[in-house]
Amino acid sequence: MDLQNFSNSEIVHRMQKLVKTERKITHLVLVHILEIEARRIYAELGYDGMYTYLTRELGYSEAAAYRRLQSARLLKQMPELSEKIESGALHLSQLTRVQKCLKEKSQKGAMISCAQVLTILEKVENKNTFQTEAVLAKEFDLPIPSYEVLRPQSDESVRLEITLTAEQFKELQKAKDLLSHVCPHGEWSEVIGALARKFNDKNILKSNAPRATLNSKKLSSEGIFVENVNEDVSANENGNRNSLGTKELVTDRVIATKVSPRKAISVAVKKELFRKANACCEYVNKKNRQRCGSKYQLQIDHVKPVAFGGTSDLTNLRILCRTHNLLAAEKAGLSDKRARG
């Protein structure tokens, strides 16, 4: 289907309708799974169970079949979940996880009433996977693995499993946000590796390691990484090189080979900007007042672009994530849409 001729509002409206339809269909799929299982229709079709039927006959992946089967069985016990599934308040991964917790408790001889389960499900409505796991860990009193696992693998990589306190994880999450320019994929292995290298370079290897002068990234106190092109570029400017290796200065929105000198933003102003923004992206959708709030790849943006006479006064500055900084550049006509990252 070619969507090029649809407006943004039409695309959004169609997407909302499709998601609503998808949720309704998902509920209907669960209902049909229950009926096929109750009638043992899978046996007549030559399969030994519902799981085999879902994977081999209908082509679901093992994980997708498992989620639907477990969710359907929980729905059978509590039909009142139908509305929550259709509205999107509860999704299959949550129902699957709850069903698994119930099964584990049952195997240990513990009984949990339907009323208790409904209360737990209410607490995980509209929550993401991490938040859901936090609720279930508390409500089902899940065991806390305190041991650490260090396992070598065939490609010489090492698998590390550890348990962090809430405070330790909070600090690590903050470091991940600050490192988002250096570790754009946000994988924990990248984050931990970057932190270890920084610590080692600063302490253990300080006397032996050569100082980086090209393409080294530096973390400012405000959590913005700036790239040093070479020693004659000010550390207060973002430096970069293009694919040909020629010097370019990166402004907030555009890359230009020649940029008029401008006063660098002071550390005090940067700190005040991040304080006011609560270290989050300040972009707000004008229609629904939804604020982005991302902490990922934060950048200082000029509300009125420097190219149009904007200043670096506090009143003309804001904090945006990379995505919304690029969007602002597009709307100002300062960035090619095809170059979006």
Protein backbone atom coordinates (compact mmCIF):
# COMPACT_ATOMS: atom_id res chain seq x y z
CA MET A 1 0.00 0.00 0.00
CA ASP A 2 1.30 3.43 -0.98
CA LEU A 3 0.74 5.95 1.83
CA GLN A 4 2.68 8.82 0.24
CA ASN A 5 -0.47 10.77 -0.69
CA PHE A 6 -1.98 10.66 2.81
CA SER A 7 -1.55 13.63 5.16
CA ASN A 8 0.05 13.21 8.59
CA SER A 9 -3.33 13.52 10.33
CA GLU A 10 -4.84 10.87 8.02
CA ILE A 11 -1.94 8.51 8.71
CA VAL A 12 -2.35 8.96 12.48
CA HIS A 13 -6.13 8.45 12.27
CA ARG A 14 -5.73 5.28 10.20
CA MET A 15 -3.08 3.98 12.60
CA GLN A 16 -5.36 4.51 15.59
CA LYS A 17 -8.16 2.59 13.85
CA LEU A 18 -5.80 -0.23 12.90
CA VAL A 19 -4.49 -0.60 16.47
CA LYS A 20 -8.04 -0.67 17.82
CA THR A 21 -8.96 -3.34 15.26
CA GLU A 22 -5.79 -5.30 16.06
CA ARG A 23 -6.66 -5.39 19.77
CA LYS A 24 -10.18 -6.56 19.04
CA ILE A 25 -8.87 -9.26 16.73
CA THR A 26 -6.35 -10.33 19.39
CA HIS A 27 -9.21 -10.83 21.84
CA LEU A 28 -11.16 -12.82 19.24
CA VAL A 29 -8.09 -14.99 18.58
CA LEU A 30 -7.90 -15.83 22.30
CA VAL A 31 -11.59 -16.72 22.38
CA HIS A 32 -11.17 -19.02 19.37
CA ILE A 33 -8.13 -20.66 20.96
CA LEU A 34 -10.23 -21.51 24.01
CA GLU A 35 -13.02 -22.97 21.90
CA ILE A 36 -10.67 -25.06 19.75
CA GLU A 37 -8.97 -26.34 22.89
CA ALA A 38 -12.30 -27.09 24.62
CA ARG A 39 -13.58 -29.07 21.62
CA ARG A 40 -10.18 -30.69 21.01
CA ILE A 41 -10.45 -29.74 17.36
CA TYR A 42 -6.65 -29.75 17.16
CA ALA A 43 -6.75 -33.55 17.65
CA GLU A 44 -9.05 -34.02 14.66
CA LEU A 45 -6.61 -31.97 12.60
CA GLY A 46 -3.77 -34.31 13.53
CA TYR A 47 -2.04 -32.35 16.30
CA ASP A 48 -1.30 -33.54 19.81
CA GLY A 49 -2.06 -30.21 21.49
CA MET A 50 -2.87 -26.54 21.08
CA TYR A 51 0.74 -25.43 21.14
CA THR A 52 1.64 -27.71 18.23
CA TYR A 53 -1.48 -26.60 16.36
CA LEU A 54 -0.64 -22.91 16.80
CA THR A 55 2.96 -23.29 15.66
CA ARG A 56 2.69 -25.90 12.90
CA GLU A 57 -0.80 -25.28 11.50
CA LEU A 58 -1.11 -21.51 11.98
CA GLY A 59 2.57 -20.62 11.71
CA TYR A 60 2.98 -18.73 14.98
CA SER A 61 6.49 -18.54 16.39
CA GLU A 62 7.06 -20.53 19.57
CA ALA A 63 7.03 -17.37 21.70
CA ALA A 64 3.90 -15.94 20.03
CA ALA A 65 2.04 -19.24 20.40
CA TYR A 66 3.01 -19.50 24.07
CA ARG A 67 1.82 -15.96 24.83
CA ARG A 68 -1.54 -16.49 23.16
CA LEU A 69 -2.12 -19.87 24.76
CA GLN A 70 -1.26 -18.68 28.28
CA SER A 71 -3.29 -15.49 27.85
CA ALA A 72 -6.29 -17.45 26.60
CA ARG A 73 -6.19 -19.76 29.63
CA LEU A 74 -6.07 -16.78 31.99
CA LEU A 75 -8.98 -15.21 30.09
CA LYS A 76 -10.94 -18.43 30.58
CA GLN A 77 -10.59 -18.08 34.35
CA MET A 78 -11.45 -14.37 34.28
CA PRO A 79 -13.71 -13.40 31.34
CA GLU A 80 -13.87 -9.84 32.71
CA LEU A 81 -10.41 -9.27 31.23
CA SER A 82 -11.91 -9.07 27.73
CA GLU A 83 -12.54 -5.34 27.90
CA LYS A 84 -9.04 -4.66 29.23
CA ILE A 85 -7.49 -6.59 26.35
CA GLU A 86 -9.55 -4.80 23.70
CA SER A 87 -8.77 -1.38 25.18
CA GLY A 88 -5.05 -2.13 25.33
CA ALA A 89 -4.87 -1.65 29.11
CA LEU A 90 -3.47 -5.19 29.35
CA HIS A 91 -1.32 -6.89 26.73
CA LEU A 92 -0.43 -10.50 26.08
CA SER A 93 3.05 -10.42 27.61
CA GLN A 94 1.55 -9.20 30.91
CA LEU A 95 -1.13 -11.89 30.94
CA THR A 96 1.47 -14.53 30.09
CA ARG A 97 3.74 -13.41 32.91
CA VAL A 98 0.88 -13.41 35.43
CA GLN A 99 -0.23 -16.87 34.30
CA LYS A 100 3.33 -18.15 34.72
CA CYS A 101 3.54 -16.69 38.25
CA LEU A 102 0.22 -18.32 39.15
CA LYS A 103 1.44 -21.67 37.86
CA GLU A 104 4.64 -21.44 39.90
CA LYS A 105 2.69 -20.55 43.05
CA SER A 106 0.27 -23.41 42.44
CA GLN A 107 3.14 -25.88 42.09
CA LYS A 108 4.35 -24.76 45.52
CA GLY A 109 0.91 -25.33 47.02
CA ALA A 110 -0.04 -21.66 47.33
CA MET A 111 -3.54 -20.64 46.31
CA ILE A 112 -4.41 -17.18 44.99
CA SER A 113 -8.03 -16.17 44.51
CA CYS A 114 -9.43 -14.64 41.32
CA ALA A 115 -10.11 -11.45 43.27
CA GLN A 116 -6.43 -11.21 44.22
CA VAL A 117 -5.37 -11.82 40.62
CA LEU A 118 -7.72 -9.11 39.37
CA THR A 119 -6.24 -6.69 41.90
CA ILE A 120 -2.74 -7.52 40.68
CA LEU A 121 -3.78 -7.09 37.05
CA GLU A 122 -5.25 -3.68 37.86
CA LYS A 123 -1.85 -2.64 39.20
CA VAL A 124 -0.08 -3.54 35.94
CA GLU A 125 -2.57 -1.88 33.59
CA ASN A 126 -0.92 0.44 31.05
CA LYS A 127 2.54 -0.35 32.41
CA ASN A 128 5.61 -1.33 30.42
CA THR A 129 7.48 -4.61 30.85
CA PHE A 130 9.93 -3.31 33.44
CA GLN A 131 7.18 -1.72 35.55
CA THR A 132 5.07 -4.87 35.26
CA GLU A 133 7.93 -7.06 36.46
CA ALA A 134 8.44 -4.76 39.46
CA VAL A 135 4.77 -5.09 40.46
CA LEU A 136 4.70 -8.87 39.99
CA ALA A 137 7.94 -9.37 41.93
CA LYS A 138 6.35 -7.63 44.90
CA GLU A 139 2.82 -9.06 44.64
CA PHE A 140 3.92 -12.66 44.09
CA ASP A 141 6.89 -12.33 46.44
CA LEU A 142 9.23 -13.68 43.78
CA PRO A 143 12.64 -14.90 44.98
CA ILE A 144 15.55 -12.48 44.60
CA PRO A 145 18.61 -14.17 43.05
CA SER A 146 21.57 -12.80 45.00
CA TYR A 147 24.27 -14.83 43.27
CA GLU A 148 26.24 -13.63 40.26
CA VAL A 149 26.71 -15.68 37.11
CA LEU A 150 29.83 -15.33 34.97
CA ARG A 151 29.69 -17.69 31.99
CA PRO A 152 32.18 -17.87 29.08
CA GLN A 153 30.66 -18.42 25.63
CA SER A 154 31.84 -20.02 22.38
CA ASP A 155 32.73 -16.71 20.69
CA GLU A 156 34.90 -15.69 23.68
CA SER A 157 32.23 -13.28 24.93
CA VAL A 158 31.18 -13.53 28.56
CA ARG A 159 27.63 -13.60 29.92
CA LEU A 160 27.28 -11.70 33.20
CA GLU A 161 24.16 -11.89 35.37
CA ILE A 162 24.00 -9.68 38.45
CA THR A 163 21.45 -8.24 40.85
CA LEU A 164 21.54 -4.49 41.54
CA THR A 165 19.93 -2.56 44.36
CA ALA A 166 17.37 0.08 43.39
CA GLU A 167 19.93 2.82 44.06
CA GLN A 168 22.63 1.09 42.01
CA PHE A 169 20.29 0.64 39.06
CA LYS A 170 19.17 4.27 39.30
CA GLU A 171 22.79 5.41 39.03
CA LEU A 172 23.47 3.04 36.14
CA GLN A 173 20.34 4.23 34.32
CA LYS A 174 21.50 7.83 34.74
CA ALA A 175 24.89 6.90 33.27
CA LYS A 176 23.12 5.21 30.36
CA ASP A 177 21.19 8.41 29.62
CA LEU A 178 24.37 10.49 29.75
CA LEU A 179 26.16 8.03 27.46
CA SER A 180 23.38 7.97 24.86
CA HIS A 181 25.49 9.95 22.37
CA VAL A 182 28.37 7.48 22.69
CA CYS A 183 26.19 4.35 23.02
CA PRO A 184 23.26 5.16 20.70
CA HIS A 185 21.87 1.61 20.79
CA GLY A 186 21.52 1.80 24.57
CA GLU A 187 22.69 -1.76 25.20
CA TRP A 188 23.85 -2.36 28.75
CA SER A 189 27.01 -4.13 27.58
CA GLU A 190 27.98 -0.98 25.64
CA VAL A 191 27.24 1.27 28.62
CA ILE A 192 29.21 -0.81 31.12
CA GLY A 193 32.09 -1.13 28.67
CA ALA A 194 32.19 2.64 28.08
CA LEU A 195 32.15 3.36 31.82
CA ALA A 196 34.95 0.85 32.41
CA ARG A 197 37.10 2.34 29.65
CA LYS A 198 36.59 5.85 30.97
CA PHE A 199 37.54 4.79 34.50
CA ASN A 200 40.58 2.84 33.31
CA ASP A 201 41.82 5.67 31.09
CA LYS A 202 41.49 8.12 33.96
CA ASN A 203 43.03 5.98 36.67
CA ILE A 204 44.85 2.73 35.92
CA LEU A 205 46.14 3.50 32.43
CA LYS A 206 46.64 7.22 32.85
CA SER A 207 50.42 7.13 32.65
CA ASN A 208 50.61 4.78 29.65
CA ALA A 209 47.60 5.51 27.46
CA PRO A 210 48.14 8.02 24.61
CA ARG A 211 45.89 11.06 24.73
CA ALA A 212 43.14 11.00 22.11
CA THR A 213 43.07 14.04 19.86
CA LEU A 214 40.86 12.93 16.99
CA ASN A 215 37.26 11.72 17.18
CA SER A 216 37.36 11.39 20.96
CA LYS A 217 34.14 12.07 22.80
CA LYS A 218 33.99 14.10 25.96
CA LEU A 219 31.22 14.13 28.57
CA SER A 220 30.30 17.55 29.89
CA SER A 221 29.01 18.08 33.42
CA GLU A 222 25.52 18.56 31.98
CA GLY A 223 25.46 15.17 30.27
CA ILE A 224 26.12 16.29 26.68
CA PHE A 225 28.84 14.53 24.75
CA VAL A 226 30.88 16.78 22.48
CA GLU A 227 33.33 15.55 19.91
CA ASN A 228 36.82 17.07 19.68
CA VAL A 229 37.91 17.28 16.04
CA ASN A 230 41.40 18.45 16.95
CA GLU A 231 43.16 20.68 19.40
CA ASP A 232 42.45 23.95 17.57
CA VAL A 233 38.68 23.50 17.93
CA SER A 234 37.25 24.88 21.16
CA ALA A 235 35.93 22.30 23.60
CA ASN A 236 32.83 24.47 23.91
CA GLU A 237 31.92 23.85 20.25
CA ASN A 238 30.69 20.54 18.84
CA GLY A 239 33.33 19.37 16.36
CA ASN A 240 32.95 16.81 13.60
CA ARG A 241 34.40 15.73 10.27
CA ASN A 242 32.50 14.89 7.14
CA SER A 243 33.01 11.75 5.07
CA LEU A 244 35.85 13.43 3.15
CA GLY A 245 37.75 14.28 6.32
CA THR A 246 37.43 18.05 6.00
CA LYS A 247 36.79 20.13 9.09
CA GLU A 248 33.26 21.18 9.84
CA LEU A 249 31.67 22.82 12.86
CA VAL A 250 28.35 21.42 13.96
CA THR A 251 25.84 24.02 15.08
CA ASP A 252 22.67 23.07 16.96
CA ARG A 253 20.82 22.33 13.74
CA VAL A 254 22.95 22.54 10.63
CA ILE A 255 26.40 21.48 9.49
CA ALA A 256 28.27 24.31 7.78
CA THR A 257 31.79 24.50 6.43
CA LYS A 258 31.98 28.16 7.46
CA VAL A 259 30.31 29.37 10.63
CA SER A 260 30.40 32.86 12.03
CA PRO A 261 32.03 32.92 15.46
CA ARG A 262 29.54 33.17 18.28
CA LYS A 263 29.75 33.37 22.01
CA ALA A 264 29.92 29.94 23.62
CA ILE A 265 27.11 28.98 25.98
CA SER A 266 28.42 29.27 29.53
CA VAL A 267 28.46 26.38 31.97
CA ALA A 268 26.11 28.33 34.27
CA VAL A 269 23.54 28.72 31.49
CA LYS A 270 23.81 25.03 30.57
CA LYS A 271 23.23 24.00 34.17
CA GLU A 272 20.21 26.29 34.46
CA LEU A 273 18.77 24.90 31.21
CA PHE A 274 19.05 21.32 32.43
CA ARG A 275 17.64 22.27 35.82
CA LYS A 276 14.57 23.94 34.29
CA ALA A 277 14.04 21.04 31.89
CA ASN A 278 14.57 18.46 34.65
CA ALA A 279 17.18 16.94 32.30
CA CYS A 280 14.45 15.88 29.87
CA CYS A 281 13.44 16.79 26.33
CA GLU A 282 11.13 19.82 26.46
CA TYR A 283 9.26 19.17 23.21
CA VAL A 284 5.47 19.39 23.70
CA ASN A 285 2.85 18.37 21.13
CA LYS A 286 0.64 21.42 20.65
CA LYS A 287 -2.53 19.38 20.09
CA ASN A 288 -2.55 16.95 23.00
CA ARG A 289 0.07 18.70 25.22
CA GLN A 290 2.08 15.47 25.34
CA ARG A 291 5.65 16.19 26.47
CA CYS A 292 8.42 14.00 25.10
CA GLY A 293 10.40 13.77 28.36
CA SER A 294 13.16 11.62 26.83
CA LYS A 295 16.59 11.63 28.48
CA TYR A 296 18.19 10.10 25.39
CA GLN A 297 20.78 12.08 23.38
CA LEU A 298 19.85 15.47 24.86
CA GLN A 299 21.02 18.57 23.01
CA ILE A 300 20.84 22.32 23.54
CA ASP A 301 18.64 23.90 20.87
CA HIS A 302 18.06 27.52 19.85
CA VAL A 303 14.32 28.29 19.72
CA LYS A 304 15.06 30.96 17.12
CA PRO A 305 17.89 29.51 15.02
CA VAL A 306 21.23 31.29 15.00
CA ALA A 307 20.96 31.37 11.19
CA PHE A 308 17.90 33.60 11.59
CA GLY A 309 19.46 35.91 14.17
CA GLY A 310 18.76 33.88 17.30
CA THR A 311 20.92 34.51 20.34
CA SER A 312 22.39 32.21 22.98
CA ASP A 313 20.48 33.92 25.76
CA LEU A 314 18.75 31.64 28.25
CA THR A 315 15.31 32.70 26.96
CA ASN A 316 16.16 31.45 23.46
CA LEU A 317 17.52 28.07 24.54
CA ARG A 318 15.84 24.78 25.34
CA ILE A 319 16.70 21.12 25.83
CA LEU A 320 15.62 18.69 23.10
CA CYS A 321 16.42 15.08 22.36
CA ARG A 322 18.12 14.39 19.03
CA THR A 323 14.84 13.33 17.38
CA HIS A 324 13.02 16.56 18.27
CA ASN A 325 16.07 18.69 17.53
CA LEU A 326 16.05 17.27 13.99
CA LEU A 327 12.29 17.85 13.79
CA ALA A 328 12.75 21.49 14.80
CA ALA A 329 15.44 21.85 12.15
CA GLU A 330 13.14 20.42 9.49
CA LYS A 331 10.33 22.79 10.43
CA ALA A 332 12.75 25.72 10.30
CA GLY A 333 13.93 24.62 6.86
CA LEU A 334 17.46 23.96 8.08
CA SER A 335 17.68 20.22 7.56
CA ASP A 336 17.07 17.79 4.71
CA LYS A 337 14.28 15.38 5.73
CA ARG A 338 16.11 12.57 3.96
CA ALA A 339 18.99 12.99 6.42
CA ARG A 340 16.92 12.19 9.48
CA GLY A 341 18.57 9.70 11.85
